[in-house]
Amino acid sequence: IYGVPSSSFVPRPKVDAMVVQLRPLAKPLLKSSLGTLEHVARFSFMKRRKMLARIFKDWDPKYVALLEECEIDPTLRPQDVSTEKFCNLAQLIEQRGIRLP
């Protein structure tokens, strides 16, 4: 919404800051519990330089199919997957009662 010069802070940072306003989505992306989404994200990012297929295969090879059901390319790394796709994966895992390690 507006900028804040670095001179407004003590000690003075080397960059300026910005004030932004966040508005909630009219229709939330998350249809599972926040805890499930956090667990899925934490599990996926523990080995973030690996592809999702490898992460899920190391856990249990049969769960690689969950990625495909959520239309997530198994060759992607976690940082390349959208928030919406992670929300869908968390919802599917919660619906099926799957427990992540």
PDB file of N, CA and C in Angstrom:
ATOM      1  N   ILE A   1       0.837  -1.181   0.000  1.00  0.00           N
ATOM      2  CA  ILE A   1       0.000   0.000   0.000  1.00  0.00           C
ATOM      3  C   ILE A   1       0.881   1.241   0.000  1.00  0.00           C
ATOM      4  N   TYR A   2       1.965   1.225   0.806  1.00  0.00           N
ATOM      5  CA  TYR A   2       2.881   2.359   0.780  1.00  0.00           C
ATOM      6  C   TYR A   2       4.272   1.912   1.227  1.00  0.00           C
ATOM      7  N   GLY A   3       5.246   2.708   0.847  1.00  0.00           N
ATOM      8  CA  GLY A   3       6.622   2.395   1.186  1.00  0.00           C
ATOM      9  C   GLY A   3       7.037   3.025   2.503  1.00  0.00           C
ATOM     10  N   VAL A   4       8.008   2.417   3.148  1.00  0.00           N
ATOM     11  CA  VAL A   4       8.567   2.940   4.393  1.00  0.00           C
ATOM     12  C   VAL A   4      10.077   3.053   4.181  1.00  0.00           C
ATOM     13  N   PRO A   5      10.613   4.260   4.287  1.00  0.00           N
ATOM     14  CA  PRO A   5      12.047   4.410   4.045  1.00  0.00           C
ATOM     15  C   PRO A   5      12.879   3.746   5.140  1.00  0.00           C
ATOM     16  N   SER A   6      14.075   3.338   4.774  1.00  0.00           N
ATOM     17  CA  SER A   6      14.957   2.663   5.728  1.00  0.00           C
ATOM     18  C   SER A   6      15.312   3.564   6.905  1.00  0.00           C
ATOM     19  N   SER A   7      15.223   4.871   6.726  1.00  0.00           N
ATOM     20  CA  SER A   7      15.545   5.810   7.800  1.00  0.00           C
ATOM     21  C   SER A   7      14.537   5.755   8.948  1.00  0.00           C
ATOM     22  N   SER A   8      13.420   5.053   8.757  1.00  0.00           N
ATOM     23  CA  SER A   8      12.404   4.922   9.806  1.00  0.00           C
ATOM     24  C   SER A   8      12.775   3.879  10.850  1.00  0.00           C
ATOM     25  N   PHE A   9      13.824   3.118  10.623  1.00  0.00           N
ATOM     26  CA  PHE A   9      14.193   2.011  11.502  1.00  0.00           C
ATOM     27  C   PHE A   9      15.533   2.269  12.190  1.00  0.00           C
ATOM     28  N   VAL A  10      15.658   1.716  13.387  1.00  0.00           N
ATOM     29  CA  VAL A  10      16.919   1.770  14.121  1.00  0.00           C
ATOM     30  C   VAL A  10      17.246   0.356  14.566  1.00  0.00           C
ATOM     31  N   PRO A  11      18.340  -0.227  14.216  1.00  0.00           N
ATOM     32  CA  PRO A  11      19.332   0.308  13.287  1.00  0.00           C
ATOM     33  C   PRO A  11      18.776   0.347  11.865  1.00  0.00           C
ATOM     34  N   ARG A  12      19.340   1.202  11.087  1.00  0.00           N
ATOM     35  CA  ARG A  12      18.864   1.438   9.725  1.00  0.00           C
ATOM     36  C   ARG A  12      19.241   0.266   8.808  1.00  0.00           C
ATOM     37  N   PRO A  13      18.238  -0.411   8.196  1.00  0.00           N
ATOM     38  CA  PRO A  13      18.556  -1.493   7.252  1.00  0.00           C
ATOM     39  C   PRO A  13      19.057  -0.926   5.927  1.00  0.00           C
ATOM     40  N   LYS A  14      19.579  -1.774   5.092  1.00  0.00           N
ATOM     41  CA  LYS A  14      20.108  -1.346   3.799  1.00  0.00           C
ATOM     42  C   LYS A  14      19.039  -1.293   2.718  1.00  0.00           C
ATOM     43  N   VAL A  15      17.818  -1.658   3.056  1.00  0.00           N
ATOM     44  CA  VAL A  15      16.724  -1.659   2.080  1.00  0.00           C
ATOM     45  C   VAL A  15      15.512  -0.932   2.660  1.00  0.00           C
ATOM     46  N   ASP A  16      14.647  -0.454   1.788  1.00  0.00           N
ATOM     47  CA  ASP A  16      13.382   0.139   2.210  1.00  0.00           C
ATOM     48  C   ASP A  16      12.365  -0.968   2.439  1.00  0.00           C
ATOM     49  N   ALA A  17      11.310  -0.643   3.157  1.00  0.00           N
ATOM     50  CA  ALA A  17      10.262  -1.621   3.443  1.00  0.00           C
ATOM     51  C   ALA A  17       8.969  -1.198   2.756  1.00  0.00           C
ATOM     52  N   MET A  18       8.027  -2.138   2.677  1.00  0.00           N
ATOM     53  CA  MET A  18       6.700  -1.855   2.114  1.00  0.00           C
ATOM     54  C   MET A  18       5.643  -2.368   3.083  1.00  0.00           C
ATOM     55  N   VAL A  19       4.561  -1.642   3.194  1.00  0.00           N
ATOM     56  CA  VAL A  19       3.406  -2.091   3.965  1.00  0.00           C
ATOM     57  C   VAL A  19       2.398  -2.618   2.956  1.00  0.00           C
ATOM     58  N   VAL A  20       1.921  -3.818   3.187  1.00  0.00           N
ATOM     59  CA  VAL A  20       0.948  -4.423   2.284  1.00  0.00           C
ATOM     60  C   VAL A  20      -0.302  -4.795   3.070  1.00  0.00           C
ATOM     61  N   GLN A  21      -1.374  -4.952   2.358  1.00  0.00           N
ATOM     62  CA  GLN A  21      -2.629  -5.374   2.978  1.00  0.00           C
ATOM     63  C   GLN A  21      -3.012  -6.723   2.380  1.00  0.00           C
ATOM     64  N   LEU A  22      -3.269  -7.694   3.240  1.00  0.00           N
ATOM     65  CA  LEU A  22      -3.672  -9.024   2.799  1.00  0.00           C
ATOM     66  C   LEU A  22      -5.162  -9.182   3.034  1.00  0.00           C
ATOM     67  N   ARG A  23      -5.848  -9.684   2.041  1.00  0.00           N
ATOM     68  CA  ARG A  23      -7.283  -9.933   2.155  1.00  0.00           C
ATOM     69  C   ARG A  23      -7.532 -11.427   1.993  1.00  0.00           C
ATOM     70  N   PRO A  24      -8.376 -11.992   2.849  1.00  0.00           N
ATOM     71  CA  PRO A  24      -8.661 -13.423   2.700  1.00  0.00           C
ATOM     72  C   PRO A  24      -9.397 -13.705   1.392  1.00  0.00           C
ATOM     73  N   LEU A  25      -9.174 -14.880   0.855  1.00  0.00           N
ATOM     74  CA  LEU A  25      -9.870 -15.295  -0.362  1.00  0.00           C
ATOM     75  C   LEU A  25     -11.352 -15.486  -0.065  1.00  0.00           C
ATOM     76  N   ALA A  26     -12.188 -15.202  -1.035  1.00  0.00           N
ATOM     77  CA  ALA A  26     -13.625 -15.412  -0.856  1.00  0.00           C
ATOM     78  C   ALA A  26     -13.914 -16.896  -0.630  1.00  0.00           C
ATOM     79  N   LYS A  27     -13.203 -17.740  -1.349  1.00  0.00           N
ATOM     80  CA  LYS A  27     -13.350 -19.190  -1.211  1.00  0.00           C
ATOM     81  C   LYS A  27     -11.988 -19.758  -0.818  1.00  0.00           C
ATOM     82  N   PRO A  28     -11.817 -20.182   0.439  1.00  0.00           N
ATOM     83  CA  PRO A  28     -10.509 -20.675   0.888  1.00  0.00           C
ATOM     84  C   PRO A  28     -10.021 -21.880   0.074  1.00  0.00           C
ATOM     85  N   LEU A  29      -8.709 -21.948  -0.122  1.00  0.00           N
ATOM     86  CA  LEU A  29      -8.110 -23.083  -0.836  1.00  0.00           C
ATOM     87  C   LEU A  29      -8.086 -24.333   0.036  1.00  0.00           C
ATOM     88  N   LEU A  30      -7.984 -24.142   1.337  1.00  0.00           N
ATOM     89  CA  LEU A  30      -7.780 -25.245   2.255  1.00  0.00           C
ATOM     90  C   LEU A  30      -9.096 -25.892   2.674  1.00  0.00           C
ATOM     91  N   LYS A  31      -9.236 -27.165   2.329  1.00  0.00           N
ATOM     92  CA  LYS A  31     -10.437 -27.916   2.686  1.00  0.00           C
ATOM     93  C   LYS A  31     -10.115 -28.986   3.729  1.00  0.00           C
ATOM     94  N   SER A  32      -8.861 -29.070   4.127  1.00  0.00           N
ATOM     95  CA  SER A  32      -8.441 -29.994   5.181  1.00  0.00           C
ATOM     96  C   SER A  32      -8.061 -29.158   6.396  1.00  0.00           C
ATOM     97  N   SER A  33      -7.613 -29.806   7.442  1.00  0.00           N
ATOM     98  CA  SER A  33      -7.174 -29.044   8.609  1.00  0.00           C
ATOM     99  C   SER A  33      -5.826 -28.393   8.310  1.00  0.00           C
ATOM    100  N   LEU A  34      -5.576 -27.299   8.968  1.00  0.00           N
ATOM    101  CA  LEU A  34      -4.306 -26.609   8.796  1.00  0.00           C
ATOM    102  C   LEU A  34      -3.152 -27.505   9.246  1.00  0.00           C
ATOM    103  N   GLY A  35      -3.388 -28.315  10.279  1.00  0.00           N
ATOM    104  CA  GLY A  35      -2.362 -29.236  10.763  1.00  0.00           C
ATOM    105  C   GLY A  35      -1.934 -30.239   9.708  1.00  0.00           C
ATOM    106  N   THR A  36      -2.909 -30.753   8.938  1.00  0.00           N
ATOM    107  CA  THR A  36      -2.580 -31.715   7.876  1.00  0.00           C
ATOM    108  C   THR A  36      -1.754 -31.035   6.791  1.00  0.00           C
ATOM    109  N   LEU A  37      -2.152 -29.830   6.392  1.00  0.00           N
ATOM    110  CA  LEU A  37      -1.396 -29.106   5.369  1.00  0.00           C
ATOM    111  C   LEU A  37       0.027 -28.834   5.857  1.00  0.00           C
ATOM    112  N   GLU A  38       0.163 -28.424   7.099  1.00  0.00           N
ATOM    113  CA  GLU A  38       1.492 -28.159   7.650  1.00  0.00           C
ATOM    114  C   GLU A  38       2.338 -29.432   7.656  1.00  0.00           C
ATOM    115  N   HIS A  39       1.738 -30.548   8.017  1.00  0.00           N
ATOM    116  CA  HIS A  39       2.465 -31.822   8.052  1.00  0.00           C
ATOM    117  C   HIS A  39       2.900 -32.239   6.636  1.00  0.00           C
ATOM    118  N   VAL A  40       2.005 -32.089   5.663  1.00  0.00           N
ATOM    119  CA  VAL A  40       2.334 -32.434   4.265  1.00  0.00           C
ATOM    120  C   VAL A  40       3.467 -31.541   3.762  1.00  0.00           C
ATOM    121  N   ALA A  41       3.383 -30.247   4.038  1.00  0.00           N
ATOM    122  CA  ALA A  41       4.424 -29.319   3.582  1.00  0.00           C
ATOM    123  C   ALA A  41       5.754 -29.625   4.262  1.00  0.00           C
ATOM    124  N   ARG A  42       5.726 -29.852   5.559  1.00  0.00           N
ATOM    125  CA  ARG A  42       6.949 -30.155   6.305  1.00  0.00           C
ATOM    126  C   ARG A  42       7.590 -31.446   5.777  1.00  0.00           C
ATOM    127  N   PHE A  43       6.759 -32.469   5.558  1.00  0.00           N
ATOM    128  CA  PHE A  43       7.231 -33.746   5.034  1.00  0.00           C
ATOM    129  C   PHE A  43       7.873 -33.553   3.652  1.00  0.00           C
ATOM    130  N   SER A  44       7.219 -32.773   2.798  1.00  0.00           N
ATOM    131  CA  SER A  44       7.709 -32.572   1.430  1.00  0.00           C
ATOM    132  C   SER A  44       8.982 -31.748   1.383  1.00  0.00           C
ATOM    133  N   PHE A  45       9.091 -30.756   2.251  1.00  0.00           N
ATOM    134  CA  PHE A  45      10.239 -29.856   2.197  1.00  0.00           C
ATOM    135  C   PHE A  45      11.433 -30.335   3.012  1.00  0.00           C
ATOM    136  N   MET A  46      11.303 -31.439   3.745  1.00  0.00           N
ATOM    137  CA  MET A  46      12.453 -31.956   4.482  1.00  0.00           C
ATOM    138  C   MET A  46      13.576 -32.348   3.527  1.00  0.00           C
ATOM    139  N   LYS A  47      13.210 -32.744   2.326  1.00  0.00           N
ATOM    140  CA  LYS A  47      14.197 -33.137   1.306  1.00  0.00           C
ATOM    141  C   LYS A  47      13.919 -32.321   0.051  1.00  0.00           C
ATOM    142  N   ARG A  48      13.918 -31.015   0.173  1.00  0.00           N
ATOM    143  CA  ARG A  48      13.420 -30.170  -0.901  1.00  0.00           C
ATOM    144  C   ARG A  48      14.226 -30.194  -2.193  1.00  0.00           C
ATOM    145  N   ARG A  49      15.450 -30.656  -2.166  1.00  0.00           N
ATOM    146  CA  ARG A  49      16.215 -30.741  -3.407  1.00  0.00           C
ATOM    147  C   ARG A  49      15.902 -32.017  -4.172  1.00  0.00           C
ATOM    148  N   LYS A  50      15.074 -32.855  -3.602  1.00  0.00           N
ATOM    149  CA  LYS A  50      14.678 -34.086  -4.285  1.00  0.00           C
ATOM    150  C   LYS A  50      13.333 -33.892  -4.960  1.00  0.00           C
ATOM    151  N   MET A  51      13.085 -34.700  -5.969  1.00  0.00           N
ATOM    152  CA  MET A  51      11.776 -34.670  -6.630  1.00  0.00           C
ATOM    153  C   MET A  51      10.730 -35.308  -5.712  1.00  0.00           C
ATOM    154  N   LEU A  52       9.496 -34.877  -5.854  1.00  0.00           N
ATOM    155  CA  LEU A  52       8.425 -35.405  -5.015  1.00  0.00           C
ATOM    156  C   LEU A  52       8.281 -36.918  -5.162  1.00  0.00           C
ATOM    157  N   ALA A  53       8.494 -37.439  -6.356  1.00  0.00           N
ATOM    158  CA  ALA A  53       8.384 -38.888  -6.562  1.00  0.00           C
ATOM    159  C   ALA A  53       9.353 -39.626  -5.650  1.00  0.00           C
ATOM    160  N   ARG A  54      10.572 -39.134  -5.523  1.00  0.00           N
ATOM    161  CA  ARG A  54      11.583 -39.771  -4.676  1.00  0.00           C
ATOM    162  C   ARG A  54      11.196 -39.648  -3.197  1.00  0.00           C
ATOM    163  N   ILE A  55      10.705 -38.496  -2.809  1.00  0.00           N
ATOM    164  CA  ILE A  55      10.316 -38.277  -1.409  1.00  0.00           C
ATOM    165  C   ILE A  55       9.206 -39.251  -1.013  1.00  0.00           C
ATOM    166  N   PHE A  56       8.183 -39.352  -1.852  1.00  0.00           N
ATOM    167  CA  PHE A  56       7.057 -40.227  -1.532  1.00  0.00           C
ATOM    168  C   PHE A  56       7.434 -41.698  -1.698  1.00  0.00           C
ATOM    169  N   LYS A  57       8.294 -42.003  -2.664  1.00  0.00           N
ATOM    170  CA  LYS A  57       8.717 -43.394  -2.882  1.00  0.00           C
ATOM    171  C   LYS A  57       9.550 -43.895  -1.706  1.00  0.00           C
ATOM    172  N   ASP A  58      10.394 -43.020  -1.156  1.00  0.00           N
ATOM    173  CA  ASP A  58      11.192 -43.403   0.012  1.00  0.00           C
ATOM    174  C   ASP A  58      10.295 -43.711   1.209  1.00  0.00           C
ATOM    175  N   TRP A  59       9.170 -43.024   1.295  1.00  0.00           N
ATOM    176  CA  TRP A  59       8.223 -43.254   2.383  1.00  0.00           C
ATOM    177  C   TRP A  59       7.470 -44.548   2.136  1.00  0.00           C
ATOM    178  N   ASP A  60       6.796 -44.643   0.992  1.00  0.00           N
ATOM    179  CA  ASP A  60       6.063 -45.853   0.606  1.00  0.00           C
ATOM    180  C   ASP A  60       5.707 -45.715  -0.870  1.00  0.00           C
ATOM    181  N   PRO A  61       6.240 -46.569  -1.720  1.00  0.00           N
ATOM    182  CA  PRO A  61       6.038 -46.430  -3.164  1.00  0.00           C
ATOM    183  C   PRO A  61       4.574 -46.315  -3.604  1.00  0.00           C
ATOM    184  N   LYS A  62       3.650 -46.923  -2.863  1.00  0.00           N
ATOM    185  CA  LYS A  62       2.251 -46.868  -3.293  1.00  0.00           C
ATOM    186  C   LYS A  62       1.659 -45.461  -3.190  1.00  0.00           C
ATOM    187  N   TYR A  63       2.289 -44.566  -2.404  1.00  0.00           N
ATOM    188  CA  TYR A  63       1.741 -43.229  -2.225  1.00  0.00           C
ATOM    189  C   TYR A  63       2.159 -42.230  -3.302  1.00  0.00           C
ATOM    190  N   VAL A  64       3.009 -42.639  -4.213  1.00  0.00           N
ATOM    191  CA  VAL A  64       3.359 -41.776  -5.350  1.00  0.00           C
ATOM    192  C   VAL A  64       2.105 -41.504  -6.175  1.00  0.00           C
ATOM    193  N   ALA A  65       1.183 -42.448  -6.189  1.00  0.00           N
ATOM    194  CA  ALA A  65      -0.071 -42.282  -6.935  1.00  0.00           C
ATOM    195  C   ALA A  65      -0.906 -41.115  -6.404  1.00  0.00           C
ATOM    196  N   LEU A  66      -0.732 -40.751  -5.135  1.00  0.00           N
ATOM    197  CA  LEU A  66      -1.462 -39.612  -4.569  1.00  0.00           C
ATOM    198  C   LEU A  66      -1.127 -38.326  -5.326  1.00  0.00           C
ATOM    199  N   LEU A  67       0.135 -38.198  -5.694  1.00  0.00           N
ATOM    200  CA  LEU A  67       0.557 -37.006  -6.440  1.00  0.00           C
ATOM    201  C   LEU A  67      -0.187 -36.907  -7.761  1.00  0.00           C
ATOM    202  N   GLU A  68      -0.264 -38.018  -8.464  1.00  0.00           N
ATOM    203  CA  GLU A  68      -0.929 -38.023  -9.760  1.00  0.00           C
ATOM    204  C   GLU A  68      -2.422 -37.769  -9.618  1.00  0.00           C
ATOM    205  N   GLU A  69      -3.027 -38.280  -8.543  1.00  0.00           N
ATOM    206  CA  GLU A  69      -4.454 -38.023  -8.304  1.00  0.00           C
ATOM    207  C   GLU A  69      -4.723 -36.540  -8.087  1.00  0.00           C
ATOM    208  N   CYS A  70      -3.762 -35.845  -7.539  1.00  0.00           N
ATOM    209  CA  CYS A  70      -3.904 -34.400  -7.297  1.00  0.00           C
ATOM    210  C   CYS A  70      -3.362 -33.578  -8.462  1.00  0.00           C
ATOM    211  N   GLU A  71      -3.036 -34.253  -9.558  1.00  0.00           N
ATOM    212  CA  GLU A  71      -2.493 -33.611 -10.755  1.00  0.00           C
ATOM    213  C   GLU A  71      -1.199 -32.857 -10.462  1.00  0.00           C
ATOM    214  N   ILE A  72      -0.357 -33.480  -9.620  1.00  0.00           N
ATOM    215  CA  ILE A  72       0.971 -32.940  -9.328  1.00  0.00           C
ATOM    216  C   ILE A  72       1.985 -33.793 -10.067  1.00  0.00           C
ATOM    217  N   ASP A  73       2.800 -33.158 -10.867  1.00  0.00           N
ATOM    218  CA  ASP A  73       3.845 -33.857 -11.611  1.00  0.00           C
ATOM    219  C   ASP A  73       4.870 -34.398 -10.613  1.00  0.00           C
ATOM    220  N   PRO A  74       5.035 -35.722 -10.520  1.00  0.00           N
ATOM    221  CA  PRO A  74       5.961 -36.307  -9.550  1.00  0.00           C
ATOM    222  C   PRO A  74       7.419 -35.903  -9.754  1.00  0.00           C
ATOM    223  N   THR A  75       7.755 -35.378 -10.940  1.00  0.00           N
ATOM    224  CA  THR A  75       9.140 -34.979 -11.189  1.00  0.00           C
ATOM    225  C   THR A  75       9.437 -33.568 -10.678  1.00  0.00           C
ATOM    226  N   LEU A  76       8.431 -32.888 -10.138  1.00  0.00           N
ATOM    227  CA  LEU A  76       8.656 -31.546  -9.588  1.00  0.00           C
ATOM    228  C   LEU A  76       9.295 -31.622  -8.213  1.00  0.00           C
ATOM    229  N   ARG A  77       9.985 -30.572  -7.869  1.00  0.00           N
ATOM    230  CA  ARG A  77      10.492 -30.413  -6.508  1.00  0.00           C
ATOM    231  C   ARG A  77       9.430 -29.666  -5.701  1.00  0.00           C
ATOM    232  N   PRO A  78       9.417 -29.823  -4.382  1.00  0.00           N
ATOM    233  CA  PRO A  78       8.359 -29.200  -3.572  1.00  0.00           C
ATOM    234  C   PRO A  78       8.193 -27.703  -3.816  1.00  0.00           C
ATOM    235  N   GLN A  79       9.281 -26.972  -3.989  1.00  0.00           N
ATOM    236  CA  GLN A  79       9.187 -25.524  -4.170  1.00  0.00           C
ATOM    237  C   GLN A  79       8.528 -25.125  -5.487  1.00  0.00           C
ATOM    238  N   ASP A  80       8.351 -26.085  -6.391  1.00  0.00           N
ATOM    239  CA  ASP A  80       7.737 -25.792  -7.688  1.00  0.00           C
ATOM    240  C   ASP A  80       6.249 -26.135  -7.731  1.00  0.00           C
ATOM    241  N   VAL A  81       5.681 -26.580  -6.623  1.00  0.00           N
ATOM    242  CA  VAL A  81       4.267 -26.961  -6.557  1.00  0.00           C
ATOM    243  C   VAL A  81       3.467 -25.794  -5.985  1.00  0.00           C
ATOM    244  N   SER A  82       2.322 -25.514  -6.577  1.00  0.00           N
ATOM    245  CA  SER A  82       1.498 -24.388  -6.124  1.00  0.00           C
ATOM    246  C   SER A  82       0.857 -24.675  -4.767  1.00  0.00           C
ATOM    247  N   THR A  83       0.482 -23.622  -4.092  1.00  0.00           N
ATOM    248  CA  THR A  83      -0.211 -23.737  -2.804  1.00  0.00           C
ATOM    249  C   THR A  83      -1.504 -24.513  -2.974  1.00  0.00           C
ATOM    250  N   GLU A  84      -2.213 -24.249  -4.054  1.00  0.00           N
ATOM    251  CA  GLU A  84      -3.476 -24.941  -4.312  1.00  0.00           C
ATOM    252  C   GLU A  84      -3.272 -26.450  -4.421  1.00  0.00           C
ATOM    253  N   LYS A  85      -2.209 -26.867  -5.088  1.00  0.00           N
ATOM    254  CA  LYS A  85      -1.937 -28.301  -5.244  1.00  0.00           C
ATOM    255  C   LYS A  85      -1.583 -28.944  -3.902  1.00  0.00           C
ATOM    256  N   PHE A  86      -0.804 -28.224  -3.078  1.00  0.00           N
ATOM    257  CA  PHE A  86      -0.494 -28.739  -1.741  1.00  0.00           C
ATOM    258  C   PHE A  86      -1.765 -28.865  -0.907  1.00  0.00           C
ATOM    259  N   CYS A  87      -2.679 -27.913  -1.034  1.00  0.00           N
ATOM    260  CA  CYS A  87      -3.955 -27.979  -0.310  1.00  0.00           C
ATOM    261  C   CYS A  87      -4.761 -29.199  -0.761  1.00  0.00           C
ATOM    262  N   ASN A  88      -4.781 -29.459  -2.062  1.00  0.00           N
ATOM    263  CA  ASN A  88      -5.499 -30.630  -2.589  1.00  0.00           C
ATOM    264  C   ASN A  88      -4.879 -31.930  -2.080  1.00  0.00           C
ATOM    265  N   LEU A  89      -3.557 -31.980  -2.041  1.00  0.00           N
ATOM    266  CA  LEU A  89      -2.859 -33.171  -1.548  1.00  0.00           C
ATOM    267  C   LEU A  89      -3.159 -33.390  -0.062  1.00  0.00           C
ATOM    268  N   ALA A  90      -3.150 -32.327   0.712  1.00  0.00           N
ATOM    269  CA  ALA A  90      -3.459 -32.431   2.142  1.00  0.00           C
ATOM    270  C   ALA A  90      -4.887 -32.925   2.351  1.00  0.00           C
ATOM    271  N   GLN A  91      -5.816 -32.429   1.540  1.00  0.00           N
ATOM    272  CA  GLN A  91      -7.210 -32.856   1.647  1.00  0.00           C
ATOM    273  C   GLN A  91      -7.341 -34.350   1.341  1.00  0.00           C
ATOM    274  N   LEU A  92      -6.682 -34.813   0.284  1.00  0.00           N
ATOM    275  CA  LEU A  92      -6.744 -36.222  -0.093  1.00  0.00           C
ATOM    276  C   LEU A  92      -6.143 -37.115   1.001  1.00  0.00           C
ATOM    277  N   ILE A  93      -5.018 -36.708   1.541  1.00  0.00           N
ATOM    278  CA  ILE A  93      -4.360 -37.480   2.596  1.00  0.00           C
ATOM    279  C   ILE A  93      -5.244 -37.534   3.835  1.00  0.00           C
ATOM    280  N   GLU A  94      -5.867 -36.421   4.176  1.00  0.00           N
ATOM    281  CA  GLU A  94      -6.754 -36.395   5.345  1.00  0.00           C
ATOM    282  C   GLU A  94      -8.005 -37.247   5.118  1.00  0.00           C
ATOM    283  N   GLN A  95      -8.602 -37.151   3.929  1.00  0.00           N
ATOM    284  CA  GLN A  95      -9.809 -37.930   3.623  1.00  0.00           C
ATOM    285  C   GLN A  95      -9.546 -39.430   3.727  1.00  0.00           C
ATOM    286  N   ARG A  96      -8.386 -39.855   3.319  1.00  0.00           N
ATOM    287  CA  ARG A  96      -8.057 -41.288   3.315  1.00  0.00           C
ATOM    288  C   ARG A  96      -7.466 -41.763   4.643  1.00  0.00           C
ATOM    289  N   GLY A  97      -7.284 -40.848   5.564  1.00  0.00           N
ATOM    290  CA  GLY A  97      -6.751 -41.232   6.868  1.00  0.00           C
ATOM    291  C   GLY A  97      -5.319 -41.716   6.819  1.00  0.00           C
ATOM    292  N   ILE A  98      -4.544 -41.213   5.874  1.00  0.00           N
ATOM    293  CA  ILE A  98      -3.160 -41.620   5.721  1.00  0.00           C
ATOM    294  C   ILE A  98      -2.308 -40.842   6.733  1.00  0.00           C
ATOM    295  N   ARG A  99      -1.405 -41.544   7.389  1.00  0.00           N
ATOM    296  CA  ARG A  99      -0.530 -40.921   8.378  1.00  0.00           C
ATOM    297  C   ARG A  99       0.873 -40.770   7.773  1.00  0.00           C
ATOM    298  N   LEU A 100       1.327 -39.546   7.674  1.00  0.00           N
ATOM    299  CA  LEU A 100       2.672 -39.304   7.192  1.00  0.00           C
ATOM    300  C   LEU A 100       3.681 -39.609   8.289  1.00  0.00           C
ATOM    301  N   PRO A 101       4.891 -39.985   7.906  1.00  0.00           N
ATOM    302  CA  PRO A 101       5.919 -40.277   8.928  1.00  0.00           C
ATOM    303  C   PRO A 101       6.331 -39.013   9.676  1.00  0.00           C
TER     304      PRO A 101
END
